[in-house]
Amino acid sequence: NNMKRDILVLALMADFVFPKGVLSDSYSQKKVEYQVSIDKKIRPINDTKYYDNIGTEQKLFVTGDIMDFNILVRNTGKDILYNLVVTDSYPIVNQIILAPGKIDTKNRTVTWEISSLGVGETRNYMLRAKVATDSAVSSQTNVANVRNNNVSDRDTATFYITKKTTPKTGSSDLLIQSVGVVTMALGALGIRKRARGY
């Protein structure tokens, strides 16, 4: 009888400690909404404005030109994001000068981590690159990705390159003509001085 009584007491205590429905209602999670966005823009070094892409009518980049890439990573969801990895893949014509993360020249990537990104929070990163070589393909695209186990997003920035051309000046003819003009000018000055007497 004591055993039955103890079981009954435990059962009644359980009703008080764990009322019906509390376990399922109190410990269920709300709907998780993870969302992230990445926005990549480009600008020539001598411009103050960033653009989604730079078309051929705006600027053709040549070897030695420098450009900046602006990357915005934004938490557009309703939950904190953790352990985001940002990877920027740059084209073969670029040499990275300044980057917020690890530069892998073999795979042409720059990678960095964002440990946490709060709801509505935005992080801004800048990469600087130089056009290091000409390419047969004039269109070049730089790709930025952000991801973790729950979300991912990607954006691109395209620009165009062309071969650097040197205008033909006929340098040897120009040098001979320049020497001739200087000689004639000095000769005329000498004649003028003799004619005036000083």
C-alpha atoms as a PDB file:
ATOM      1  CA  ASN A   1       0.000   0.000   0.000  1.00  0.00           C
ATOM      2  CA  ASN A   2       2.857   2.339   0.729  1.00  0.00           C
ATOM      3  CA  MET A   3       4.124   1.798  -2.781  1.00  0.00           C
ATOM      4  CA  LYS A   4       0.754   2.677  -4.323  1.00  0.00           C
ATOM      5  CA  ARG A   5       0.578   5.765  -2.150  1.00  0.00           C
ATOM      6  CA  ASP A   6       4.098   6.871  -3.224  1.00  0.00           C
ATOM      7  CA  ILE A   7       3.221   6.421  -6.895  1.00  0.00           C
ATOM      8  CA  LEU A   8       0.024   8.424  -6.441  1.00  0.00           C
ATOM      9  CA  VAL A   9       1.928  11.213  -4.671  1.00  0.00           C
ATOM     10  CA  LEU A  10       4.516  11.298  -7.474  1.00  0.00           C
ATOM     11  CA  ALA A  11       1.774  11.398 -10.091  1.00  0.00           C
ATOM     12  CA  LEU A  12       0.056  14.323  -8.347  1.00  0.00           C
ATOM     13  CA  MET A  13       3.371  16.166  -7.956  1.00  0.00           C
ATOM     14  CA  ALA A  14       4.096  15.672 -11.635  1.00  0.00           C
ATOM     15  CA  ASP A  15       0.777  17.351 -12.477  1.00  0.00           C
ATOM     16  CA  PHE A  16       1.784  20.363 -10.391  1.00  0.00           C
ATOM     17  CA  VAL A  17       5.372  20.516 -11.577  1.00  0.00           C
ATOM     18  CA  PHE A  18       4.616  19.719 -15.218  1.00  0.00           C
ATOM     19  CA  PRO A  19       1.011  20.783 -15.932  1.00  0.00           C
ATOM     20  CA  LYS A  20      -0.447  19.350 -19.127  1.00  0.00           C
ATOM     21  CA  GLY A  21       0.739  21.177 -22.271  1.00  0.00           C
ATOM     22  CA  VAL A  22       3.582  23.067 -20.633  1.00  0.00           C
ATOM     23  CA  LEU A  23       6.278  20.825 -22.017  1.00  0.00           C
ATOM     24  CA  SER A  24       5.128  21.087 -25.592  1.00  0.00           C
ATOM     25  CA  ASP A  25       4.141  24.776 -25.550  1.00  0.00           C
ATOM     26  CA  SER A  26       6.967  26.230 -23.493  1.00  0.00           C
ATOM     27  CA  TYR A  27       9.805  24.501 -25.257  1.00  0.00           C
ATOM     28  CA  SER A  28       8.662  24.635 -28.878  1.00  0.00           C
ATOM     29  CA  GLN A  29      10.657  27.023 -31.058  1.00  0.00           C
ATOM     30  CA  LYS A  30       9.232  29.795 -33.151  1.00  0.00           C
ATOM     31  CA  LYS A  31       9.709  29.657 -36.904  1.00  0.00           C
ATOM     32  CA  VAL A  32      13.317  30.453 -37.753  1.00  0.00           C
ATOM     33  CA  GLU A  33      13.820  32.937 -40.605  1.00  0.00           C
ATOM     34  CA  TYR A  34      17.415  33.152 -41.791  1.00  0.00           C
ATOM     35  CA  GLN A  35      18.119  35.487 -44.711  1.00  0.00           C
ATOM     36  CA  VAL A  36      21.258  37.198 -45.979  1.00  0.00           C
ATOM     37  CA  SER A  37      22.065  39.454 -48.912  1.00  0.00           C
ATOM     38  CA  ILE A  38      25.327  40.483 -50.529  1.00  0.00           C
ATOM     39  CA  ASP A  39      25.739  43.487 -52.819  1.00  0.00           C
ATOM     40  CA  LYS A  40      28.921  43.960 -54.841  1.00  0.00           C
ATOM     41  CA  LYS A  41      29.785  47.198 -56.635  1.00  0.00           C
ATOM     42  CA  ILE A  42      32.798  48.524 -58.526  1.00  0.00           C
ATOM     43  CA  ARG A  43      34.387  51.902 -59.183  1.00  0.00           C
ATOM     44  CA  PRO A  44      37.466  53.156 -60.998  1.00  0.00           C
ATOM     45  CA  ILE A  45      39.977  54.522 -58.471  1.00  0.00           C
ATOM     46  CA  ASN A  46      39.452  58.106 -59.677  1.00  0.00           C
ATOM     47  CA  ASP A  47      35.645  57.980 -59.304  1.00  0.00           C
ATOM     48  CA  THR A  48      33.690  58.665 -56.112  1.00  0.00           C
ATOM     49  CA  LYS A  49      30.621  56.599 -57.051  1.00  0.00           C
ATOM     50  CA  TYR A  50      30.271  52.800 -57.039  1.00  0.00           C
ATOM     51  CA  TYR A  51      28.381  51.017 -59.834  1.00  0.00           C
ATOM     52  CA  ASP A  52      26.800  47.562 -60.166  1.00  0.00           C
ATOM     53  CA  ASN A  53      28.786  47.109 -63.389  1.00  0.00           C
ATOM     54  CA  ILE A  54      30.983  49.337 -65.555  1.00  0.00           C
ATOM     55  CA  GLY A  55      30.098  49.094 -69.242  1.00  0.00           C
ATOM     56  CA  THR A  56      32.298  49.751 -72.260  1.00  0.00           C
ATOM     57  CA  GLU A  57      30.672  53.143 -72.813  1.00  0.00           C
ATOM     58  CA  GLN A  58      31.692  54.211 -69.293  1.00  0.00           C
ATOM     59  CA  LYS A  59      35.304  53.010 -69.094  1.00  0.00           C
ATOM     60  CA  LEU A  60      37.621  50.448 -70.619  1.00  0.00           C
ATOM     61  CA  PHE A  61      40.274  49.358 -68.121  1.00  0.00           C
ATOM     62  CA  VAL A  62      43.868  48.830 -69.281  1.00  0.00           C
ATOM     63  CA  THR A  63      46.916  47.246 -67.666  1.00  0.00           C
ATOM     64  CA  GLY A  64      47.908  49.257 -64.600  1.00  0.00           C
ATOM     65  CA  ASP A  65      44.426  50.676 -63.900  1.00  0.00           C
ATOM     66  CA  ILE A  66      43.211  50.365 -60.311  1.00  0.00           C
ATOM     67  CA  MET A  67      39.645  49.645 -59.200  1.00  0.00           C
ATOM     68  CA  ASP A  68      37.828  49.324 -55.884  1.00  0.00           C
ATOM     69  CA  PHE A  69      35.136  46.760 -55.107  1.00  0.00           C
ATOM     70  CA  ASN A  70      32.624  47.481 -52.341  1.00  0.00           C
ATOM     71  CA  ILE A  71      30.895  44.480 -50.733  1.00  0.00           C
ATOM     72  CA  LEU A  72      27.893  44.911 -48.411  1.00  0.00           C
ATOM     73  CA  VAL A  73      26.721  41.903 -46.411  1.00  0.00           C
ATOM     74  CA  ARG A  74      23.313  42.418 -44.755  1.00  0.00           C
ATOM     75  CA  ASN A  75      21.214  40.258 -42.443  1.00  0.00           C
ATOM     76  CA  THR A  76      17.744  40.621 -43.999  1.00  0.00           C
ATOM     77  CA  GLY A  77      16.126  37.908 -41.883  1.00  0.00           C
ATOM     78  CA  LYS A  78      14.597  37.799 -38.412  1.00  0.00           C
ATOM     79  CA  ASP A  79      17.334  35.820 -36.645  1.00  0.00           C
ATOM     80  CA  ILE A  80      21.021  36.356 -35.890  1.00  0.00           C
ATOM     81  CA  LEU A  81      23.359  34.755 -38.412  1.00  0.00           C
ATOM     82  CA  TYR A  82      26.490  32.968 -37.230  1.00  0.00           C
ATOM     83  CA  ASN A  83      29.686  31.777 -38.937  1.00  0.00           C
ATOM     84  CA  LEU A  84      29.185  33.418 -42.318  1.00  0.00           C
ATOM     85  CA  VAL A  85      31.965  32.898 -44.868  1.00  0.00           C
ATOM     86  CA  VAL A  86      32.457  35.510 -47.585  1.00  0.00           C
ATOM     87  CA  THR A  87      34.368  34.456 -50.698  1.00  0.00           C
ATOM     88  CA  ASP A  88      35.318  36.879 -53.440  1.00  0.00           C
ATOM     89  CA  SER A  89      36.426  35.261 -56.712  1.00  0.00           C
ATOM     90  CA  TYR A  90      38.373  37.623 -58.920  1.00  0.00           C
ATOM     91  CA  PRO A  91      39.249  37.288 -62.623  1.00  0.00           C
ATOM     92  CA  ILE A  92      42.675  36.315 -63.902  1.00  0.00           C
ATOM     93  CA  VAL A  93      43.431  39.866 -65.056  1.00  0.00           C
ATOM     94  CA  ASN A  94      43.285  41.243 -61.492  1.00  0.00           C
ATOM     95  CA  GLN A  95      45.987  41.445 -58.869  1.00  0.00           C
ATOM     96  CA  ILE A  96      44.560  42.106 -55.388  1.00  0.00           C
ATOM     97  CA  ILE A  97      46.264  45.029 -53.640  1.00  0.00           C
ATOM     98  CA  LEU A  98      44.080  45.383 -50.534  1.00  0.00           C
ATOM     99  CA  ALA A  99      41.658  42.824 -49.065  1.00  0.00           C
ATOM    100  CA  PRO A 100      39.758  42.163 -45.810  1.00  0.00           C
ATOM    101  CA  GLY A 101      40.727  38.480 -45.737  1.00  0.00           C
ATOM    102  CA  LYS A 102      43.074  35.741 -46.886  1.00  0.00           C
ATOM    103  CA  ILE A 103      44.219  36.059 -50.514  1.00  0.00           C
ATOM    104  CA  ASP A 104      44.604  32.759 -52.385  1.00  0.00           C
ATOM    105  CA  THR A 105      46.418  33.632 -55.639  1.00  0.00           C
ATOM    106  CA  LYS A 106      46.295  30.048 -56.950  1.00  0.00           C
ATOM    107  CA  ASN A 107      42.477  29.883 -56.844  1.00  0.00           C
ATOM    108  CA  ARG A 108      42.073  33.673 -57.279  1.00  0.00           C
ATOM    109  CA  THR A 109      39.898  34.111 -54.164  1.00  0.00           C
ATOM    110  CA  VAL A 110      39.763  36.287 -51.084  1.00  0.00           C
ATOM    111  CA  THR A 111      38.021  34.687 -48.077  1.00  0.00           C
ATOM    112  CA  TRP A 112      37.008  36.036 -44.664  1.00  0.00           C
ATOM    113  CA  GLU A 113      34.563  35.159 -41.897  1.00  0.00           C
ATOM    114  CA  ILE A 114      31.817  37.056 -40.097  1.00  0.00           C
ATOM    115  CA  SER A 115      31.335  35.412 -36.694  1.00  0.00           C
ATOM    116  CA  SER A 116      27.866  36.920 -36.155  1.00  0.00           C
ATOM    117  CA  LEU A 117      25.581  39.346 -37.944  1.00  0.00           C
ATOM    118  CA  GLY A 118      22.607  40.759 -36.040  1.00  0.00           C
ATOM    119  CA  VAL A 119      19.121  41.257 -37.430  1.00  0.00           C
ATOM    120  CA  GLY A 120      19.219  44.231 -39.834  1.00  0.00           C
ATOM    121  CA  GLU A 121      22.992  44.601 -39.401  1.00  0.00           C
ATOM    122  CA  THR A 122      25.187  45.447 -42.407  1.00  0.00           C
ATOM    123  CA  ARG A 123      28.936  44.997 -42.789  1.00  0.00           C
ATOM    124  CA  ASN A 124      30.870  46.899 -45.442  1.00  0.00           C
ATOM    125  CA  TYR A 125      34.127  45.590 -46.976  1.00  0.00           C
ATOM    126  CA  MET A 126      36.466  46.994 -49.623  1.00  0.00           C
ATOM    127  CA  LEU A 127      38.854  45.264 -52.004  1.00  0.00           C
ATOM    128  CA  ARG A 128      41.339  47.080 -54.217  1.00  0.00           C
ATOM    129  CA  ALA A 129      42.661  45.462 -57.381  1.00  0.00           C
ATOM    130  CA  LYS A 130      44.923  46.336 -60.275  1.00  0.00           C
ATOM    131  CA  VAL A 131      44.579  45.208 -63.874  1.00  0.00           C
ATOM    132  CA  ALA A 132      47.792  43.191 -64.080  1.00  0.00           C
ATOM    133  CA  THR A 133      47.512  41.733 -67.557  1.00  0.00           C
ATOM    134  CA  ASP A 134      45.653  42.012 -70.850  1.00  0.00           C
ATOM    135  CA  SER A 135      43.226  39.285 -71.808  1.00  0.00           C
ATOM    136  CA  ALA A 136      41.693  38.110 -75.055  1.00  0.00           C
ATOM    137  CA  VAL A 137      38.286  38.269 -73.363  1.00  0.00           C
ATOM    138  CA  SER A 138      37.270  41.873 -72.782  1.00  0.00           C
ATOM    139  CA  SER A 139      34.440  41.140 -70.309  1.00  0.00           C
ATOM    140  CA  GLN A 140      35.635  40.367 -66.758  1.00  0.00           C
ATOM    141  CA  THR A 141      33.361  39.396 -63.850  1.00  0.00           C
ATOM    142  CA  ASN A 142      34.150  39.459 -60.152  1.00  0.00           C
ATOM    143  CA  VAL A 143      31.867  37.252 -58.003  1.00  0.00           C
ATOM    144  CA  ALA A 144      31.108  37.613 -54.274  1.00  0.00           C
ATOM    145  CA  ASN A 145      29.427  34.851 -52.229  1.00  0.00           C
ATOM    146  CA  VAL A 146      28.276  34.726 -48.612  1.00  0.00           C
ATOM    147  CA  ARG A 147      27.089  31.523 -46.909  1.00  0.00           C
ATOM    148  CA  ASN A 148      26.734  29.471 -43.777  1.00  0.00           C
ATOM    149  CA  ASN A 149      24.865  26.195 -43.128  1.00  0.00           C
ATOM    150  CA  ASN A 150      21.449  27.897 -43.444  1.00  0.00           C
ATOM    151  CA  VAL A 151      21.699  30.675 -46.049  1.00  0.00           C
ATOM    152  CA  SER A 152      23.652  31.910 -49.061  1.00  0.00           C
ATOM    153  CA  ASP A 153      23.644  34.736 -51.574  1.00  0.00           C
ATOM    154  CA  ARG A 154      25.805  35.861 -54.489  1.00  0.00           C
ATOM    155  CA  ASP A 155      26.383  39.030 -56.529  1.00  0.00           C
ATOM    156  CA  THR A 156      28.674  40.050 -59.377  1.00  0.00           C
ATOM    157  CA  ALA A 157      30.384  43.131 -60.754  1.00  0.00           C
ATOM    158  CA  THR A 158      31.441  43.183 -64.407  1.00  0.00           C
ATOM    159  CA  PHE A 159      33.982  45.436 -66.117  1.00  0.00           C
ATOM    160  CA  TYR A 160      35.747  45.486 -69.478  1.00  0.00           C
ATOM    161  CA  ILE A 161      39.411  45.612 -70.392  1.00  0.00           C
ATOM    162  CA  THR A 162      41.284  46.450 -73.550  1.00  0.00           C
ATOM    163  CA  LYS A 163      44.912  46.372 -74.592  1.00  0.00           C
ATOM    164  CA  LYS A 164      46.905  49.483 -73.821  1.00  0.00           C
ATOM    165  CA  THR A 165      47.896  51.215 -77.039  1.00  0.00           C
ATOM    166  CA  THR A 166      50.798  53.601 -77.555  1.00  0.00           C
ATOM    167  CA  PRO A 167      50.160  56.291 -80.153  1.00  0.00           C
ATOM    168  CA  LYS A 168      52.633  56.347 -83.028  1.00  0.00           C
ATOM    169  CA  THR A 169      54.521  59.599 -82.954  1.00  0.00           C
ATOM    170  CA  GLY A 170      57.326  58.882 -85.368  1.00  0.00           C
ATOM    171  CA  SER A 171      59.792  59.509 -82.588  1.00  0.00           C
ATOM    172  CA  SER A 172      62.953  59.473 -84.733  1.00  0.00           C
ATOM    173  CA  ASP A 173      61.439  61.902 -87.256  1.00  0.00           C
ATOM    174  CA  LEU A 174      60.128  64.031 -84.409  1.00  0.00           C
ATOM    175  CA  LEU A 175      63.590  64.223 -82.837  1.00  0.00           C
ATOM    176  CA  ILE A 176      65.226  65.297 -86.129  1.00  0.00           C
ATOM    177  CA  GLN A 177      62.507  67.889 -86.744  1.00  0.00           C
ATOM    178  CA  SER A 178      62.848  69.224 -83.182  1.00  0.00           C
ATOM    179  CA  VAL A 179      66.627  69.603 -83.497  1.00  0.00           C
ATOM    180  CA  GLY A 180      66.110  71.408 -86.824  1.00  0.00           C
ATOM    181  CA  VAL A 181      63.586  73.850 -85.349  1.00  0.00           C
ATOM    182  CA  VAL A 182      65.808  74.610 -82.337  1.00  0.00           C
ATOM    183  CA  THR A 183      68.839  75.182 -84.604  1.00  0.00           C
ATOM    184  CA  MET A 184      66.884  77.550 -86.842  1.00  0.00           C
ATOM    185  CA  ALA A 185      65.549  79.461 -83.812  1.00  0.00           C
ATOM    186  CA  LEU A 186      69.039  79.909 -82.349  1.00  0.00           C
ATOM    187  CA  GLY A 187      70.402  80.950 -85.742  1.00  0.00           C
ATOM    188  CA  ALA A 188      67.628  83.531 -86.170  1.00  0.00           C
ATOM    189  CA  LEU A 189      68.280  84.876 -82.684  1.00  0.00           C
ATOM    190  CA  GLY A 190      72.000  85.224 -83.480  1.00  0.00           C
ATOM    191  CA  ILE A 191      71.286  87.081 -86.746  1.00  0.00           C
ATOM    192  CA  ARG A 192      68.878  89.377 -84.965  1.00  0.00           C
ATOM    193  CA  LYS A 193      71.424  90.204 -82.245  1.00  0.00           C
ATOM    194  CA  ARG A 194      74.107  91.058 -84.870  1.00  0.00           C
ATOM    195  CA  ALA A 195      71.713  93.191 -86.785  1.00  0.00           C
ATOM    196  CA  ARG A 196      70.810  95.208 -83.684  1.00  0.00           C
ATOM    197  CA  GLY A 197      74.370  95.389 -82.495  1.00  0.00           C
ATOM    198  CA  TYR A 198      74.187  93.671 -79.105  1.00  0.00           C
END
